[in-house]
Amino acid sequence: MGDPKIDRGRRAGAGATLLAIALALSACTTIQMKLRKPGVQHAAFAHEVEVEHKCSSRSLPYFTIETNEIMPDHVKPGAELNHRLIYVLCPSVPTEVIEGTLVTRILHRAKAVTTDEISFDLEEGRWIIDTFIALPENAPPGAYALDLRFSSAKGNLTGSVPFVIEPQ
């Protein structure tokens, strides 16, 4: 059996290390959010995406979500979230656009708390879309999800990202 003083010291050291890691990750999230700006940003041309996604062996047009994330994923009521969507489109013809409808909903307890619906065009290549969502001060704590659906005549995309609103 080990020395209880040494064991307590090891546990305290491990706890301090975990706290330091958590604080460092929190600082990274804050820095990443400050670097992001709301809007749409081109990230790669169609020929680059074609190689990465092996589009020549796929039925075209081919489009998919590469990233669908919320930052931070644990927040307090009244905080701001960053939603980042990165999608790619390999067109069937150069400069093709896929016209559709983008519906974004925030779900809590299996019910839509908010719904936003817009006409949206997917463009060839890779695109990054950053939006910022202000949460109400009176948002109840619990598990939430951002639900995303893009619908078009040429296909659909869906995604869901969980996040938690913590008690005040």
Protein backbone atom coordinates (compact mmCIF):
# COMPACT_ATOMS: atom_id res chain seq x y z
CA MET A 1 0.00 0.00 0.00
CA GLY A 2 1.33 3.43 -0.93
CA ASP A 3 1.94 6.44 1.25
CA PRO A 4 -1.41 8.35 1.54
CA LYS A 5 0.39 11.72 1.44
CA ILE A 6 2.10 10.81 -1.84
CA ASP A 7 -1.15 9.46 -3.33
CA ARG A 8 -2.99 12.70 -2.40
CA GLY A 9 -0.16 14.70 -3.95
CA ARG A 10 -0.34 12.71 -7.18
CA ARG A 11 -4.13 13.17 -7.35
CA ALA A 12 -3.77 16.90 -6.70
CA GLY A 13 -1.07 17.12 -9.37
CA ALA A 14 -3.24 15.25 -11.86
CA GLY A 15 -6.20 17.51 -11.04
CA ALA A 16 -4.07 20.63 -11.55
CA THR A 17 -2.82 19.25 -14.88
CA LEU A 18 -6.38 18.55 -16.06
CA LEU A 19 -7.47 22.04 -14.99
CA ALA A 20 -4.55 23.60 -16.88
CA ILE A 21 -5.44 21.60 -20.01
CA ALA A 22 -9.11 22.63 -19.75
CA LEU A 23 -8.14 26.31 -19.36
CA ALA A 24 -5.76 26.10 -22.32
CA LEU A 25 -8.45 24.51 -24.52
CA SER A 26 -10.94 27.17 -23.44
CA ALA A 27 -8.45 29.89 -24.37
CA CYS A 28 -7.88 28.24 -27.79
CA THR A 29 -11.65 28.21 -28.43
CA THR A 30 -11.89 31.90 -27.50
CA ILE A 31 -8.99 32.78 -29.82
CA GLN A 32 -10.45 30.70 -32.68
CA MET A 33 -13.83 32.40 -32.33
CA LYS A 34 -12.23 35.87 -32.41
CA LEU A 35 -10.40 34.96 -35.63
CA ARG A 36 -13.63 33.94 -37.34
CA LYS A 37 -15.79 36.52 -39.08
CA PRO A 38 -19.42 36.05 -40.09
CA GLY A 39 -19.92 35.35 -43.77
CA VAL A 40 -18.96 33.09 -46.65
CA GLN A 41 -15.35 32.44 -47.64
CA HIS A 42 -13.95 30.53 -50.63
CA ALA A 43 -11.42 27.91 -49.49
CA ALA A 44 -10.56 25.74 -52.53
CA PHE A 45 -11.21 25.48 -56.24
CA ALA A 46 -13.23 22.65 -57.80
CA HIS A 47 -10.13 20.96 -59.27
CA GLU A 48 -8.58 20.74 -55.79
CA VAL A 49 -11.77 19.31 -54.29
CA GLU A 50 -12.07 16.89 -57.23
CA VAL A 51 -8.74 15.26 -56.35
CA GLU A 52 -9.45 15.07 -52.59
CA HIS A 53 -12.97 13.64 -52.99
CA LYS A 54 -12.21 11.50 -56.09
CA CYS A 55 -15.06 13.23 -57.92
CA SER A 56 -14.13 11.72 -61.29
CA SER A 57 -15.36 8.36 -59.97
CA ARG A 58 -18.62 9.80 -58.56
CA SER A 59 -21.97 10.70 -60.00
CA LEU A 60 -21.95 14.47 -60.56
CA PRO A 61 -22.82 16.91 -59.24
CA TYR A 62 -21.36 15.68 -55.96
CA PHE A 63 -21.71 17.73 -52.79
CA THR A 64 -21.17 16.99 -49.13
CA ILE A 65 -20.61 18.62 -45.75
CA GLU A 66 -16.99 18.39 -44.61
CA THR A 67 -17.40 20.24 -41.31
CA ASN A 68 -20.46 21.15 -39.27
CA GLU A 69 -19.45 22.44 -35.85
CA ILE A 70 -20.49 24.64 -32.95
CA MET A 71 -17.94 26.55 -30.91
CA PRO A 72 -17.91 26.48 -27.94
CA ASP A 73 -20.00 23.40 -27.30
CA HIS A 74 -20.68 24.31 -23.64
CA VAL A 75 -22.03 27.83 -23.01
CA LYS A 76 -23.95 29.93 -20.52
CA PRO A 77 -27.30 31.57 -21.35
CA GLY A 78 -26.77 34.86 -23.20
CA ALA A 79 -23.49 33.68 -24.73
CA GLU A 80 -22.64 33.65 -28.43
CA LEU A 81 -22.05 30.50 -30.48
CA ASN A 82 -20.13 30.19 -33.72
CA HIS A 83 -21.61 27.77 -36.24
CA ARG A 84 -19.16 26.76 -38.96
CA LEU A 85 -20.26 24.86 -42.03
CA ILE A 86 -17.74 23.75 -44.64
CA TYR A 87 -19.11 22.14 -47.78
CA VAL A 88 -17.71 20.99 -51.11
CA LEU A 89 -19.28 20.79 -54.54
CA CYS A 90 -17.85 18.96 -57.53
CA PRO A 91 -19.94 20.26 -60.43
CA SER A 92 -21.13 18.32 -63.46
CA VAL A 93 -20.23 21.38 -65.59
CA PRO A 94 -17.89 24.29 -64.76
CA THR A 95 -19.39 27.04 -62.57
CA GLU A 96 -22.51 24.97 -61.82
CA VAL A 97 -24.61 26.18 -58.90
CA ILE A 98 -26.99 23.98 -56.90
CA GLU A 99 -30.01 26.09 -55.92
CA GLY A 100 -31.86 25.08 -52.81
CA THR A 101 -33.25 25.93 -49.41
CA LEU A 102 -31.19 25.94 -46.22
CA VAL A 103 -33.10 25.39 -42.99
CA THR A 104 -31.32 25.78 -39.67
CA ARG A 105 -33.11 24.91 -36.44
CA ILE A 106 -32.04 24.92 -32.82
CA LEU A 107 -33.64 22.01 -31.00
CA HIS A 108 -34.20 21.58 -27.26
CA ARG A 109 -36.17 18.68 -25.78
CA ALA A 110 -36.94 17.51 -29.34
CA LYS A 111 -38.70 20.79 -30.20
CA ALA A 112 -37.54 23.59 -32.50
CA VAL A 113 -36.67 26.65 -30.39
CA THR A 114 -35.73 28.69 -33.48
CA THR A 115 -35.99 28.07 -37.21
CA ASP A 116 -34.30 30.00 -40.00
CA GLU A 117 -35.04 29.25 -43.67
CA ILE A 118 -33.27 30.90 -46.61
CA SER A 119 -32.74 30.34 -50.33
CA PHE A 120 -29.15 29.19 -50.69
CA ASP A 121 -26.86 28.26 -53.59
CA LEU A 122 -24.03 25.75 -53.30
CA GLU A 123 -21.10 26.84 -55.49
CA GLU A 124 -18.30 24.70 -56.90
CA GLY A 125 -15.22 24.09 -54.79
CA ARG A 126 -14.92 24.37 -50.99
CA TRP A 127 -16.71 27.10 -49.05
CA ILE A 128 -16.65 28.06 -45.37
CA ILE A 129 -19.72 29.67 -43.83
CA ASP A 130 -19.47 31.20 -40.36
CA THR A 131 -22.52 32.44 -38.49
CA PHE A 132 -22.77 33.71 -34.95
CA ILE A 133 -25.81 32.93 -32.82
CA ALA A 134 -26.67 34.97 -29.72
CA LEU A 135 -28.41 32.83 -27.12
CA PRO A 136 -31.18 34.37 -25.01
CA GLU A 137 -30.31 35.33 -21.42
CA ASN A 138 -33.25 33.20 -20.23
CA ALA A 139 -32.36 30.06 -22.24
CA PRO A 140 -32.98 27.04 -20.02
CA PRO A 141 -29.98 24.83 -19.32
CA GLY A 142 -29.74 21.46 -21.00
CA ALA A 143 -28.85 19.60 -24.17
CA TYR A 144 -29.45 21.34 -27.51
CA ALA A 145 -28.68 20.62 -31.14
CA LEU A 146 -28.23 22.75 -34.22
CA ASP A 147 -30.03 20.89 -37.01
CA LEU A 148 -29.11 21.75 -40.62
CA ARG A 149 -30.95 20.73 -43.80
CA PHE A 150 -30.16 21.77 -47.36
CA SER A 151 -32.79 20.66 -49.89
CA SER A 152 -32.51 20.89 -53.67
CA ALA A 153 -33.75 19.17 -56.80
CA LYS A 154 -30.27 17.58 -57.16
CA GLY A 155 -29.96 16.22 -53.63
CA ASN A 156 -30.02 17.02 -49.95
CA LEU A 157 -27.56 17.56 -47.11
CA THR A 158 -28.28 17.12 -43.42
CA GLY A 159 -26.29 17.54 -40.25
CA SER A 160 -26.77 17.96 -36.53
CA VAL A 161 -24.38 19.33 -33.94
CA PRO A 162 -24.97 19.00 -30.18
CA PHE A 163 -24.19 21.69 -27.61
CA VAL A 164 -25.02 22.32 -23.98
CA ILE A 165 -26.32 25.41 -22.25
CA GLU A 166 -25.03 25.25 -18.69
CA PRO A 167 -26.79 26.70 -15.64
CA GLN A 168 -25.92 30.30 -14.73
